[in-house]
């Protein structure tokens, strides 16, 4: 592990990389619904796989770096919190979906999950 930010703050570095990874993931999973509706599903799958490649280039190092400070369950719950934090603005701002109270309830459930997985 290199010195500097990566070795002194692995959880923070992992969170930053996972956030960037989630941006790619969200576009790979859902962006084709906006831009490729007229194309065959297999074309959308190929485009999504191409986008997902960049997701994995960030996600794999994020989990490896994060594993130096966090347990497996903690990494997973952090990933889910980040996923919802990225998905909601994407759904509302980019995809034009209405704001739903269900996003709040889902967030509260994730806060509970984070509490239980990160408590000492």
PDB file of N, CA and C in Angstrom:
ATOM      1  N   UNK A   1       0.855  -1.177   0.000  1.00  0.00           N
ATOM      2  CA  UNK A   1       0.000   0.000   0.000  1.00  0.00           C
ATOM      3  C   UNK A   1       0.894   1.230   0.000  1.00  0.00           C
ATOM      4  N   UNK A   2       0.636   2.168  -0.890  1.00  0.00           N
ATOM      5  CA  UNK A   2       1.452   3.377  -0.923  1.00  0.00           C
ATOM      6  C   UNK A   2       1.233   4.246   0.303  1.00  0.00           C
ATOM      7  N   UNK A   3       2.210   5.049   0.607  1.00  0.00           N
ATOM      8  CA  UNK A   3       2.097   5.979   1.729  1.00  0.00           C
ATOM      9  C   UNK A   3       1.196   7.139   1.353  1.00  0.00           C
ATOM     10  N   UNK A   4       0.929   8.013   2.321  1.00  0.00           N
ATOM     11  CA  UNK A   4       0.132   9.208   2.049  1.00  0.00           C
ATOM     12  C   UNK A   4      -1.325   8.995   2.378  1.00  0.00           C
ATOM     13  N   UNK A   5      -2.182   9.621   1.587  1.00  0.00           N
ATOM     14  CA  UNK A   5      -3.614   9.609   1.843  1.00  0.00           C
ATOM     15  C   UNK A   5      -4.184   8.198   1.872  1.00  0.00           C
ATOM     16  N   UNK A   6      -3.734   7.339   0.971  1.00  0.00           N
ATOM     17  CA  UNK A   6      -4.273   5.989   0.887  1.00  0.00           C
ATOM     18  C   UNK A   6      -4.022   5.205   2.166  1.00  0.00           C
ATOM     19  N   UNK A   7      -2.833   5.321   2.742  1.00  0.00           N
ATOM     20  CA  UNK A   7      -2.522   4.535   3.931  1.00  0.00           C
ATOM     21  C   UNK A   7      -3.020   5.191   5.208  1.00  0.00           C
ATOM     22  N   UNK A   8      -3.184   6.502   5.231  1.00  0.00           N
ATOM     23  CA  UNK A   8      -3.616   7.155   6.464  1.00  0.00           C
ATOM     24  C   UNK A   8      -5.128   7.304   6.565  1.00  0.00           C
ATOM     25  N   UNK A   9      -5.843   7.263   5.455  1.00  0.00           N
ATOM     26  CA  UNK A   9      -7.296   7.427   5.453  1.00  0.00           C
ATOM     27  C   UNK A   9      -7.955   6.448   4.477  1.00  0.00           C
ATOM     28  N   UNK A  10      -7.762   5.143   4.665  1.00  0.00           N
ATOM     29  CA  UNK A  10      -8.284   4.193   3.677  1.00  0.00           C
ATOM     30  C   UNK A  10      -9.805   4.215   3.547  1.00  0.00           C
ATOM     31  N   UNK A  11     -10.536   4.440   4.628  1.00  0.00           N
ATOM     32  CA  UNK A  11     -11.997   4.473   4.536  1.00  0.00           C
ATOM     33  C   UNK A  11     -12.470   5.666   3.713  1.00  0.00           C
ATOM     34  N   UNK A  12     -11.817   6.827   3.891  1.00  0.00           N
ATOM     35  CA  UNK A  12     -12.184   8.018   3.116  1.00  0.00           C
ATOM     36  C   UNK A  12     -11.852   7.841   1.641  1.00  0.00           C
ATOM     37  N   UNK A  13     -10.685   7.280   1.348  1.00  0.00           N
ATOM     38  CA  UNK A  13     -10.307   7.036  -0.042  1.00  0.00           C
ATOM     39  C   UNK A  13     -11.287   6.048  -0.676  1.00  0.00           C
ATOM     40  N   UNK A  14     -11.636   5.013   0.070  1.00  0.00           N
ATOM     41  CA  UNK A  14     -12.605   4.037  -0.438  1.00  0.00           C
ATOM     42  C   UNK A  14     -13.945   4.702  -0.725  1.00  0.00           C
ATOM     43  N   UNK A  15     -14.405   5.565   0.157  1.00  0.00           N
ATOM     44  CA  UNK A  15     -15.686   6.248  -0.044  1.00  0.00           C
ATOM     45  C   UNK A  15     -15.655   7.124  -1.295  1.00  0.00           C
ATOM     46  N   UNK A  16     -14.559   7.819  -1.513  1.00  0.00           N
ATOM     47  CA  UNK A  16     -14.436   8.673  -2.698  1.00  0.00           C
ATOM     48  C   UNK A  16     -14.436   7.826  -3.971  1.00  0.00           C
ATOM     49  N   UNK A  17     -13.648   6.760  -3.973  1.00  0.00           N
ATOM     50  CA  UNK A  17     -13.595   5.882  -5.144  1.00  0.00           C
ATOM     51  C   UNK A  17     -14.934   5.191  -5.387  1.00  0.00           C
ATOM     52  N   UNK A  18     -15.605   4.772  -4.307  1.00  0.00           N
ATOM     53  CA  UNK A  18     -16.910   4.128  -4.466  1.00  0.00           C
ATOM     54  C   UNK A  18     -17.962   5.099  -4.987  1.00  0.00           C
ATOM     55  N   UNK A  19     -17.865   6.352  -4.603  1.00  0.00           N
ATOM     56  CA  UNK A  19     -18.798   7.351  -5.133  1.00  0.00           C
ATOM     57  C   UNK A  19     -18.598   7.524  -6.630  1.00  0.00           C
ATOM     58  N   UNK A  20     -17.352   7.647  -7.056  1.00  0.00           N
ATOM     59  CA  UNK A  20     -17.073   7.756  -8.495  1.00  0.00           C
ATOM     60  C   UNK A  20     -17.504   6.480  -9.222  1.00  0.00           C
ATOM     61  N   UNK A  21     -17.223   5.337  -8.632  1.00  0.00           N
ATOM     62  CA  UNK A  21     -17.636   4.059  -9.203  1.00  0.00           C
ATOM     63  C   UNK A  21     -19.150   3.999  -9.377  1.00  0.00           C
ATOM     64  N   UNK A  22     -19.871   4.495  -8.376  1.00  0.00           N
ATOM     65  CA  UNK A  22     -21.328   4.477  -8.433  1.00  0.00           C
ATOM     66  C   UNK A  22     -21.886   5.370  -9.529  1.00  0.00           C
ATOM     67  N   UNK A  23     -21.203   6.454  -9.836  1.00  0.00           N
ATOM     68  CA  UNK A  23     -21.648   7.289 -10.954  1.00  0.00           C
ATOM     69  C   UNK A  23     -21.630   6.480 -12.251  1.00  0.00           C
ATOM     70  N   UNK A  24     -20.542   5.768 -12.482  1.00  0.00           N
ATOM     71  CA  UNK A  24     -20.463   4.907 -13.666  1.00  0.00           C
ATOM     72  C   UNK A  24     -21.504   3.801 -13.614  1.00  0.00           C
ATOM     73  N   UNK A  25     -21.642   3.156 -12.452  1.00  0.00           N
ATOM     74  CA  UNK A  25     -22.588   2.055 -12.304  1.00  0.00           C
ATOM     75  C   UNK A  25     -24.012   2.503 -12.601  1.00  0.00           C
ATOM     76  N   UNK A  26     -24.387   3.658 -12.061  1.00  0.00           N
ATOM     77  CA  UNK A  26     -25.750   4.144 -12.240  1.00  0.00           C
ATOM     78  C   UNK A  26     -26.029   4.436 -13.709  1.00  0.00           C
ATOM     79  N   UNK A  27     -25.072   5.048 -14.397  1.00  0.00           N
ATOM     80  CA  UNK A  27     -25.254   5.278 -15.833  1.00  0.00           C
ATOM     81  C   UNK A  27     -25.289   3.962 -16.607  1.00  0.00           C
ATOM     82  N   UNK A  28     -24.449   2.999 -16.221  1.00  0.00           N
ATOM     83  CA  UNK A  28     -24.440   1.703 -16.905  1.00  0.00           C
ATOM     84  C   UNK A  28     -25.771   0.980 -16.721  1.00  0.00           C
ATOM     85  N   UNK A  29     -26.320   1.038 -15.521  1.00  0.00           N
ATOM     86  CA  UNK A  29     -27.551   0.306 -15.237  1.00  0.00           C
ATOM     87  C   UNK A  29     -28.794   0.988 -15.776  1.00  0.00           C
ATOM     88  N   UNK A  30     -28.830   2.325 -15.759  1.00  0.00           N
ATOM     89  CA  UNK A  30     -30.076   3.028 -16.051  1.00  0.00           C
ATOM     90  C   UNK A  30     -29.998   4.049 -17.184  1.00  0.00           C
ATOM     91  N   UNK A  31     -28.830   4.495 -17.559  1.00  0.00           N
ATOM     92  CA  UNK A  31     -28.700   5.516 -18.585  1.00  0.00           C
ATOM     93  C   UNK A  31     -29.275   5.098 -19.929  1.00  0.00           C
ATOM     94  N   UNK A  32     -29.200   3.806 -20.234  1.00  0.00           N
ATOM     95  CA  UNK A  32     -29.726   3.315 -21.508  1.00  0.00           C
ATOM     96  C   UNK A  32     -31.241   3.475 -21.600  1.00  0.00           C
ATOM     97  N   UNK A  33     -31.917   3.568 -20.456  1.00  0.00           N
ATOM     98  CA  UNK A  33     -33.366   3.762 -20.476  1.00  0.00           C
ATOM     99  C   UNK A  33     -33.742   5.123 -21.045  1.00  0.00           C
ATOM    100  N   UNK A  34     -32.840   6.080 -20.935  1.00  0.00           N
ATOM    101  CA  UNK A  34     -33.092   7.415 -21.464  1.00  0.00           C
ATOM    102  C   UNK A  34     -32.564   7.572 -22.888  1.00  0.00           C
ATOM    103  N   UNK A  35     -31.410   6.991 -23.164  1.00  0.00           N
ATOM    104  CA  UNK A  35     -30.717   7.278 -24.416  1.00  0.00           C
ATOM    105  C   UNK A  35     -30.788   6.184 -25.476  1.00  0.00           C
ATOM    106  N   UNK A  36     -31.088   4.961 -25.095  1.00  0.00           N
ATOM    107  CA  UNK A  36     -31.006   3.859 -26.062  1.00  0.00           C
ATOM    108  C   UNK A  36     -32.318   3.089 -26.198  1.00  0.00           C
ATOM    109  N   UNK A  37     -33.441   3.730 -25.920  1.00  0.00           N
ATOM    110  CA  UNK A  37     -34.734   3.051 -25.994  1.00  0.00           C
ATOM    111  C   UNK A  37     -35.025   2.502 -27.387  1.00  0.00           C
ATOM    112  N   UNK A  38     -34.567   3.170 -28.412  1.00  0.00           N
ATOM    113  CA  UNK A  38     -34.868   2.742 -29.777  1.00  0.00           C
ATOM    114  C   UNK A  38     -33.892   1.677 -30.291  1.00  0.00           C
ATOM    115  N   UNK A  39     -32.867   1.370 -29.509  1.00  0.00           N
ATOM    116  CA  UNK A  39     -31.861   0.387 -29.914  1.00  0.00           C
ATOM    117  C   UNK A  39     -32.210  -0.973 -29.321  1.00  0.00           C
ATOM    118  N   UNK A  40     -31.723  -2.067 -29.926  1.00  0.00           N
ATOM    119  CA  UNK A  40     -31.981  -3.400 -29.360  1.00  0.00           C
ATOM    120  C   UNK A  40     -31.339  -3.550 -27.983  1.00  0.00           C
ATOM    121  N   UNK A  41     -31.894  -4.439 -27.177  1.00  0.00           N
ATOM    122  CA  UNK A  41     -31.403  -4.627 -25.799  1.00  0.00           C
ATOM    123  C   UNK A  41     -29.935  -5.026 -25.784  1.00  0.00           C
ATOM    124  N   UNK A  42     -29.503  -5.833 -26.750  1.00  0.00           N
ATOM    125  CA  UNK A  42     -28.114  -6.294 -26.744  1.00  0.00           C
ATOM    126  C   UNK A  42     -27.142  -5.143 -26.979  1.00  0.00           C
ATOM    127  N   UNK A  43     -27.572  -4.147 -27.769  1.00  0.00           N
ATOM    128  CA  UNK A  43     -26.732  -2.968 -27.978  1.00  0.00           C
ATOM    129  C   UNK A  43     -26.589  -2.195 -26.674  1.00  0.00           C
ATOM    130  N   UNK A  44     -27.721  -2.017 -25.980  1.00  0.00           N
ATOM    131  CA  UNK A  44     -27.685  -1.337 -24.681  1.00  0.00           C
ATOM    132  C   UNK A  44     -26.813  -2.111 -23.696  1.00  0.00           C
ATOM    133  N   UNK A  45     -26.872  -3.443 -23.752  1.00  0.00           N
ATOM    134  CA  UNK A  45     -26.042  -4.261 -22.862  1.00  0.00           C
ATOM    135  C   UNK A  45     -24.555  -4.049 -23.148  1.00  0.00           C
ATOM    136  N   UNK A  46     -24.194  -4.000 -24.416  1.00  0.00           N
ATOM    137  CA  UNK A  46     -22.787  -3.780 -24.770  1.00  0.00           C
ATOM    138  C   UNK A  46     -22.305  -2.404 -24.317  1.00  0.00           C
ATOM    139  N   UNK A  47     -23.132  -1.385 -24.520  1.00  0.00           N
ATOM    140  CA  UNK A  47     -22.763  -0.041 -24.062  1.00  0.00           C
ATOM    141  C   UNK A  47     -22.633  -0.040 -22.542  1.00  0.00           C
ATOM    142  N   UNK A  48     -23.581  -0.676 -21.858  1.00  0.00           N
ATOM    143  CA  UNK A  48     -23.539  -0.734 -20.390  1.00  0.00           C
ATOM    144  C   UNK A  48     -22.296  -1.468 -19.896  1.00  0.00           C
ATOM    145  N   UNK A  49     -21.921  -2.549 -20.551  1.00  0.00           N
ATOM    146  CA  UNK A  49     -20.707  -3.265 -20.166  1.00  0.00           C
ATOM    147  C   UNK A  49     -19.476  -2.386 -20.340  1.00  0.00           C
ATOM    148  N   UNK A  50     -19.468  -1.601 -21.396  1.00  0.00           N
ATOM    149  CA  UNK A  50     -18.346  -0.682 -21.598  1.00  0.00           C
ATOM    150  C   UNK A  50     -18.242   0.351 -20.487  1.00  0.00           C
ATOM    151  N   UNK A  51     -19.384   0.863 -20.058  1.00  0.00           N
ATOM    152  CA  UNK A  51     -19.396   1.820 -18.947  1.00  0.00           C
ATOM    153  C   UNK A  51     -19.004   1.124 -17.649  1.00  0.00           C
ATOM    154  N   UNK A  52     -19.523  -0.091 -17.457  1.00  0.00           N
ATOM    155  CA  UNK A  52     -19.245  -0.837 -16.226  1.00  0.00           C
ATOM    156  C   UNK A  52     -17.759  -1.164 -16.073  1.00  0.00           C
ATOM    157  N   UNK A  53     -17.042  -1.273 -17.173  1.00  0.00           N
ATOM    158  CA  UNK A  53     -15.596  -1.500 -17.096  1.00  0.00           C
ATOM    159  C   UNK A  53     -14.931  -0.423 -16.245  1.00  0.00           C
ATOM    160  N   UNK A  54     -15.330   0.836 -16.456  1.00  0.00           N
ATOM    161  CA  UNK A  54     -14.741   1.934 -15.698  1.00  0.00           C
ATOM    162  C   UNK A  54     -15.208   1.914 -14.246  1.00  0.00           C
ATOM    163  N   UNK A  55     -16.432   1.439 -14.043  1.00  0.00           N
ATOM    164  CA  UNK A  55     -16.910   1.262 -12.663  1.00  0.00           C
ATOM    165  C   UNK A  55     -15.985   0.308 -11.911  1.00  0.00           C
ATOM    166  N   UNK A  56     -15.674  -0.815 -12.518  1.00  0.00           N
ATOM    167  CA  UNK A  56     -14.843  -1.813 -11.856  1.00  0.00           C
ATOM    168  C   UNK A  56     -13.405  -1.333 -11.654  1.00  0.00           C
ATOM    169  N   UNK A  57     -12.915  -0.474 -12.548  1.00  0.00           N
ATOM    170  CA  UNK A  57     -11.576   0.075 -12.362  1.00  0.00           C
ATOM    171  C   UNK A  57     -11.486   0.929 -11.096  1.00  0.00           C
ATOM    172  N   UNK A  58     -12.615   1.432 -10.625  1.00  0.00           N
ATOM    173  CA  UNK A  58     -12.659   2.211  -9.386  1.00  0.00           C
ATOM    174  C   UNK A  58     -13.126   1.375  -8.201  1.00  0.00           C
ATOM    175  N   UNK A  59     -14.096   0.505  -8.428  1.00  0.00           N
ATOM    176  CA  UNK A  59     -14.701  -0.265  -7.353  1.00  0.00           C
ATOM    177  C   UNK A  59     -13.735  -1.284  -6.744  1.00  0.00           C
ATOM    178  N   UNK A  60     -12.999  -1.983  -7.569  1.00  0.00           N
ATOM    179  CA  UNK A  60     -12.089  -3.013  -7.038  1.00  0.00           C
ATOM    180  C   UNK A  60     -11.003  -2.386  -6.163  1.00  0.00           C
ATOM    181  N   UNK A  61     -10.293  -1.339  -6.618  1.00  0.00           N
ATOM    182  CA  UNK A  61      -9.313  -0.723  -5.719  1.00  0.00           C
ATOM    183  C   UNK A  61      -9.972  -0.104  -4.482  1.00  0.00           C
ATOM    184  N   UNK A  62     -11.171   0.444  -4.640  1.00  0.00           N
ATOM    185  CA  UNK A  62     -11.863   1.029  -3.485  1.00  0.00           C
ATOM    186  C   UNK A  62     -12.063  -0.014  -2.396  1.00  0.00           C
ATOM    187  N   UNK A  63     -12.534  -1.185  -2.777  1.00  0.00           N
ATOM    188  CA  UNK A  63     -12.763  -2.232  -1.776  1.00  0.00           C
ATOM    189  C   UNK A  63     -11.456  -2.766  -1.204  1.00  0.00           C
ATOM    190  N   UNK A  64     -10.438  -2.867  -2.022  1.00  0.00           N
ATOM    191  CA  UNK A  64      -9.133  -3.327  -1.504  1.00  0.00           C
ATOM    192  C   UNK A  64      -8.552  -2.327  -0.515  1.00  0.00           C
ATOM    193  N   UNK A  65      -8.631  -1.042  -0.854  1.00  0.00           N
ATOM    194  CA  UNK A  65      -8.120   0.001   0.042  1.00  0.00           C
ATOM    195  C   UNK A  65      -8.975   0.059   1.303  1.00  0.00           C
ATOM    196  N   UNK A  66     -10.287   0.058   1.125  1.00  0.00           N
ATOM    197  CA  UNK A  66     -11.194   0.143   2.269  1.00  0.00           C
ATOM    198  C   UNK A  66     -11.092  -1.024   3.217  1.00  0.00           C
ATOM    199  N   UNK A  67     -10.713  -2.195   2.695  1.00  0.00           N
ATOM    200  CA  UNK A  67     -10.631  -3.390   3.548  1.00  0.00           C
ATOM    201  C   UNK A  67      -9.528  -3.286   4.596  1.00  0.00           C
ATOM    202  N   UNK A  68      -8.633  -2.310   4.454  1.00  0.00           N
ATOM    203  CA  UNK A  68      -7.585  -2.100   5.449  1.00  0.00           C
ATOM    204  C   UNK A  68      -8.118  -1.398   6.696  1.00  0.00           C
ATOM    205  N   UNK A  69      -9.300  -0.793   6.581  1.00  0.00           N
ATOM    206  CA  UNK A  69      -9.865  -0.072   7.727  1.00  0.00           C
ATOM    207  C   UNK A  69     -11.261  -0.550   8.098  1.00  0.00           C
ATOM    208  N   UNK A  70     -11.937  -1.224   7.176  1.00  0.00           N
ATOM    209  CA  UNK A  70     -13.323  -1.609   7.387  1.00  0.00           C
ATOM    210  C   UNK A  70     -13.512  -3.104   7.178  1.00  0.00           C
ATOM    211  N   UNK A  71     -14.492  -3.640   7.862  1.00  0.00           N
ATOM    212  CA  UNK A  71     -14.856  -5.029   7.652  1.00  0.00           C
ATOM    213  C   UNK A  71     -15.687  -5.182   6.389  1.00  0.00           C
ATOM    214  N   UNK A  72     -15.890  -6.417   5.975  1.00  0.00           N
ATOM    215  CA  UNK A  72     -16.640  -6.689   4.757  1.00  0.00           C
ATOM    216  C   UNK A  72     -18.063  -6.128   4.830  1.00  0.00           C
ATOM    217  N   UNK A  73     -18.741  -6.338   5.937  1.00  0.00           N
ATOM    218  CA  UNK A  73     -20.090  -5.818   6.105  1.00  0.00           C
ATOM    219  C   UNK A  73     -20.124  -4.301   6.078  1.00  0.00           C
ATOM    220  N   UNK A  74     -19.131  -3.684   6.676  1.00  0.00           N
ATOM    221  CA  UNK A  74     -19.049  -2.223   6.673  1.00  0.00           C
ATOM    222  C   UNK A  74     -18.835  -1.692   5.259  1.00  0.00           C
ATOM    223  N   UNK A  75     -17.980  -2.361   4.486  1.00  0.00           N
ATOM    224  CA  UNK A  75     -17.782  -1.953   3.094  1.00  0.00           C
ATOM    225  C   UNK A  75     -19.085  -2.049   2.305  1.00  0.00           C
ATOM    226  N   UNK A  76     -19.827  -3.126   2.534  1.00  0.00           N
ATOM    227  CA  UNK A  76     -21.082  -3.332   1.799  1.00  0.00           C
ATOM    228  C   UNK A  76     -22.120  -2.276   2.158  1.00  0.00           C
ATOM    229  N   UNK A  77     -22.287  -1.997   3.435  1.00  0.00           N
ATOM    230  CA  UNK A  77     -23.280  -0.998   3.842  1.00  0.00           C
ATOM    231  C   UNK A  77     -22.853   0.387   3.367  1.00  0.00           C
ATOM    232  N   UNK A  78     -21.554   0.703   3.432  1.00  0.00           N
ATOM    233  CA  UNK A  78     -21.080   1.985   2.913  1.00  0.00           C
ATOM    234  C   UNK A  78     -21.415   2.084   1.429  1.00  0.00           C
ATOM    235  N   UNK A  79     -21.212   1.005   0.692  1.00  0.00           N
ATOM    236  CA  UNK A  79     -21.537   0.970  -0.736  1.00  0.00           C
ATOM    237  C   UNK A  79     -23.026   1.241  -0.955  1.00  0.00           C
ATOM    238  N   UNK A  80     -23.887   0.652  -0.153  1.00  0.00           N
ATOM    239  CA  UNK A  80     -25.329   0.841  -0.327  1.00  0.00           C
ATOM    240  C   UNK A  80     -25.753   2.277  -0.015  1.00  0.00           C
ATOM    241  N   UNK A  81     -25.174   2.859   1.013  1.00  0.00           N
ATOM    242  CA  UNK A  81     -25.480   4.257   1.348  1.00  0.00           C
ATOM    243  C   UNK A  81     -25.042   5.166   0.197  1.00  0.00           C
ATOM    244  N   UNK A  82     -23.851   4.918  -0.324  1.00  0.00           N
ATOM    245  CA  UNK A  82     -23.348   5.706  -1.451  1.00  0.00           C
ATOM    246  C   UNK A  82     -24.235   5.496  -2.677  1.00  0.00           C
ATOM    247  N   UNK A  83     -24.650   4.255  -2.915  1.00  0.00           N
ATOM    248  CA  UNK A  83     -25.506   3.962  -4.066  1.00  0.00           C
ATOM    249  C   UNK A  83     -26.789   4.782  -4.029  1.00  0.00           C
ATOM    250  N   UNK A  84     -27.447   4.812  -2.879  1.00  0.00           N
ATOM    251  CA  UNK A  84     -28.686   5.588  -2.769  1.00  0.00           C
ATOM    252  C   UNK A  84     -28.397   7.080  -2.892  1.00  0.00           C
ATOM    253  N   UNK A  85     -27.276   7.520  -2.339  1.00  0.00           N
ATOM    254  CA  UNK A  85     -26.903   8.938  -2.411  1.00  0.00           C
ATOM    255  C   UNK A  85     -26.619   9.386  -3.842  1.00  0.00           C
ATOM    256  N   UNK A  86     -26.153   8.480  -4.672  1.00  0.00           N
ATOM    257  CA  UNK A  86     -25.901   8.786  -6.080  1.00  0.00           C
ATOM    258  C   UNK A  86     -27.181   8.598  -6.904  1.00  0.00           C
ATOM    259  N   UNK A  87     -27.923   7.528  -6.594  1.00  0.00           N
ATOM    260  CA  UNK A  87     -29.086   7.191  -7.407  1.00  0.00           C
ATOM    261  C   UNK A  87     -30.200   8.227  -7.315  1.00  0.00           C
ATOM    262  N   UNK A  88     -30.503   8.716  -6.133  1.00  0.00           N
ATOM    263  CA  UNK A  88     -31.633   9.640  -5.986  1.00  0.00           C
ATOM    264  C   UNK A  88     -31.432  10.912  -6.816  1.00  0.00           C
ATOM    265  N   UNK A  89     -30.291  11.599  -6.704  1.00  0.00           N
ATOM    266  CA  UNK A  89     -30.112  12.769  -7.586  1.00  0.00           C
ATOM    267  C   UNK A  89     -30.132  12.397  -9.074  1.00  0.00           C
ATOM    268  N   UNK A  90     -29.558  11.255  -9.427  1.00  0.00           N
ATOM    269  CA  UNK A  90     -29.575  10.791 -10.817  1.00  0.00           C
ATOM    270  C   UNK A  90     -31.013  10.600 -11.295  1.00  0.00           C
ATOM    271  N   UNK A  91     -31.819   9.910 -10.487  1.00  0.00           N
ATOM    272  CA  UNK A  91     -33.203   9.632 -10.877  1.00  0.00           C
ATOM    273  C   UNK A  91     -34.009  10.914 -11.026  1.00  0.00           C
ATOM    274  N   UNK A  92     -33.827  11.831 -10.094  1.00  0.00           N
ATOM    275  CA  UNK A  92     -34.630  13.056 -10.090  1.00  0.00           C
ATOM    276  C   UNK A  92     -34.105  14.060 -11.112  1.00  0.00           C
ATOM    277  N   UNK A  93     -32.813  14.346 -11.086  1.00  0.00           N
ATOM    278  CA  UNK A  93     -32.250  15.411 -11.923  1.00  0.00           C
ATOM    279  C   UNK A  93     -31.975  14.971 -13.359  1.00  0.00           C
ATOM    280  N   UNK A  94     -31.450  13.772 -13.538  1.00  0.00           N
ATOM    281  CA  UNK A  94     -31.056  13.338 -14.876  1.00  0.00           C
ATOM    282  C   UNK A  94     -32.175  12.604 -15.602  1.00  0.00           C
ATOM    283  N   UNK A  95     -32.865  11.711 -14.880  1.00  0.00           N
ATOM    284  CA  UNK A  95     -33.916  10.917 -15.512  1.00  0.00           C
ATOM    285  C   UNK A  95     -35.292  11.569 -15.426  1.00  0.00           C
ATOM    286  N   UNK A  96     -35.406  12.664 -14.661  1.00  0.00           N
ATOM    287  CA  UNK A  96     -36.668  13.379 -14.579  1.00  0.00           C
ATOM    288  C   UNK A  96     -37.750  12.669 -13.788  1.00  0.00           C
ATOM    289  N   UNK A  97     -37.355  11.804 -12.866  1.00  0.00           N
ATOM    290  CA  UNK A  97     -38.330  11.092 -12.036  1.00  0.00           C
ATOM    291  C   UNK A  97     -38.814  12.014 -10.925  1.00  0.00           C
ATOM    292  N   UNK A  98     -40.041  11.814 -10.473  1.00  0.00           N
ATOM    293  CA  UNK A  98     -40.526  12.653  -9.377  1.00  0.00           C
ATOM    294  C   UNK A  98     -39.830  12.302  -8.064  1.00  0.00           C
ATOM    295  N   UNK A  99     -39.705  13.296  -7.205  1.00  0.00           N
ATOM    296  CA  UNK A  99     -39.175  13.050  -5.860  1.00  0.00           C
ATOM    297  C   UNK A  99     -40.228  12.243  -5.115  1.00  0.00           C
ATOM    298  N   UNK A 100     -39.783  11.176  -4.466  1.00  0.00           N
ATOM    299  CA  UNK A 100     -40.718  10.310  -3.758  1.00  0.00           C
ATOM    300  C   UNK A 100     -40.333  10.224  -2.294  1.00  0.00           C
ATOM    301  N   UNK A 101     -41.330  10.167  -1.448  1.00  0.00           N
ATOM    302  CA  UNK A 101     -41.106   9.988  -0.027  1.00  0.00           C
ATOM    303  C   UNK A 101     -40.431   8.644   0.248  1.00  0.00           C
ATOM    304  N   UNK A 102     -40.614   7.692  -0.651  1.00  0.00           N
ATOM    305  CA  UNK A 102     -39.976   6.384  -0.488  1.00  0.00           C
ATOM    306  C   UNK A 102     -38.455   6.490  -0.453  1.00  0.00           C
ATOM    307  N   UNK A 103     -37.888   7.482  -1.134  1.00  0.00           N
ATOM    308  CA  UNK A 103     -36.439   7.677  -1.076  1.00  0.00           C
ATOM    309  C   UNK A 103     -36.015   8.016   0.355  1.00  0.00           C
ATOM    310  N   UNK A 104     -36.807   8.813   1.031  1.00  0.00           N
ATOM    311  CA  UNK A 104     -36.522   9.153   2.430  1.00  0.00           C
ATOM    312  C   UNK A 104     -36.590   7.909   3.304  1.00  0.00           C
ATOM    313  N   UNK A 105     -37.639   7.101   3.125  1.00  0.00           N
ATOM    314  CA  UNK A 105     -37.781   5.886   3.945  1.00  0.00           C
ATOM    315  C   UNK A 105     -36.617   4.930   3.682  1.00  0.00           C
ATOM    316  N   UNK A 106     -36.230   4.796   2.436  1.00  0.00           N
ATOM    317  CA  UNK A 106     -35.093   3.930   2.108  1.00  0.00           C
ATOM    318  C   UNK A 106     -33.812   4.455   2.759  1.00  0.00           C
ATOM    319  N   UNK A 107     -33.648   5.776   2.734  1.00  0.00           N
ATOM    320  CA  UNK A 107     -32.480   6.384   3.381  1.00  0.00           C
ATOM    321  C   UNK A 107     -32.470   6.137   4.875  1.00  0.00           C
ATOM    322  N   UNK A 108     -33.631   6.235   5.502  1.00  0.00           N
ATOM    323  CA  UNK A 108     -33.718   5.976   6.945  1.00  0.00           C
ATOM    324  C   UNK A 108     -33.365   4.530   7.246  1.00  0.00           C
ATOM    325  N   UNK A 109     -33.827   3.621   6.411  1.00  0.00           N
ATOM    326  CA  UNK A 109     -33.467   2.203   6.604  1.00  0.00           C
ATOM    327  C   UNK A 109     -31.955   2.010   6.486  1.00  0.00           C
ATOM    328  N   UNK A 110     -31.330   2.705   5.530  1.00  0.00           N
ATOM    329  CA  UNK A 110     -29.879   2.585   5.381  1.00  0.00           C
ATOM    330  C   UNK A 110     -29.134   3.214   6.549  1.00  0.00           C
ATOM    331  N   UNK A 111     -29.674   4.283   7.112  1.00  0.00           N
ATOM    332  CA  UNK A 111     -29.065   4.865   8.317  1.00  0.00           C
ATOM    333  C   UNK A 111     -29.092   3.825   9.442  1.00  0.00           C
ATOM    334  N   UNK A 112     -30.207   3.132   9.566  1.00  0.00           N
ATOM    335  CA  UNK A 112     -30.293   2.061  10.564  1.00  0.00           C
ATOM    336  C   UNK A 112     -29.294   0.958  10.291  1.00  0.00           C
ATOM    337  N   UNK A 113     -29.171   0.552   9.035  1.00  0.00           N
ATOM    338  CA  UNK A 113     -28.197  -0.482   8.677  1.00  0.00           C
ATOM    339  C   UNK A 113     -26.782  -0.025   8.993  1.00  0.00           C
ATOM    340  N   UNK A 114     -26.480   1.235   8.661  1.00  0.00           N
ATOM    341  CA  UNK A 114     -25.146   1.768   8.948  1.00  0.00           C
ATOM    342  C   UNK A 114     -24.900   1.797  10.454  1.00  0.00           C
ATOM    343  N   UNK A 115     -25.905   2.180  11.233  1.00  0.00           N
ATOM    344  CA  UNK A 115     -25.745   2.203  12.689  1.00  0.00           C
ATOM    345  C   UNK A 115     -25.355   0.828  13.206  1.00  0.00           C
ATOM    346  N   UNK A 116     -26.087  -0.196  12.782  1.00  0.00           N
ATOM    347  CA  UNK A 116     -25.830  -1.535  13.311  1.00  0.00           C
ATOM    348  C   UNK A 116     -24.502  -2.121  12.836  1.00  0.00           C
ATOM    349  N   UNK A 117     -24.113  -1.839  11.598  1.00  0.00           N
ATOM    350  CA  UNK A 117     -22.878  -2.430  11.083  1.00  0.00           C
ATOM    351  C   UNK A 117     -21.621  -1.690  11.561  1.00  0.00           C
ATOM    352  N   UNK A 118     -21.768  -0.383  11.892  1.00  0.00           N
ATOM    353  CA  UNK A 118     -20.601   0.390  12.313  1.00  0.00           C
ATOM    354  C   UNK A 118     -20.494   0.547  13.825  1.00  0.00           C
ATOM    355  N   UNK A 119     -21.509   0.124  14.592  1.00  0.00           N
ATOM    356  CA  UNK A 119     -21.409   0.297  16.045  1.00  0.00           C
ATOM    357  C   UNK A 119     -20.309  -0.604  16.595  1.00  0.00           C
ATOM    358  N   UNK A 120     -19.728  -0.181  17.665  1.00  0.00           N
ATOM    359  CA  UNK A 120     -18.587  -0.908  18.244  1.00  0.00           C
ATOM    360  C   UNK A 120     -19.047  -2.185  18.913  1.00  0.00           C
TER     361      UNK A 120
END
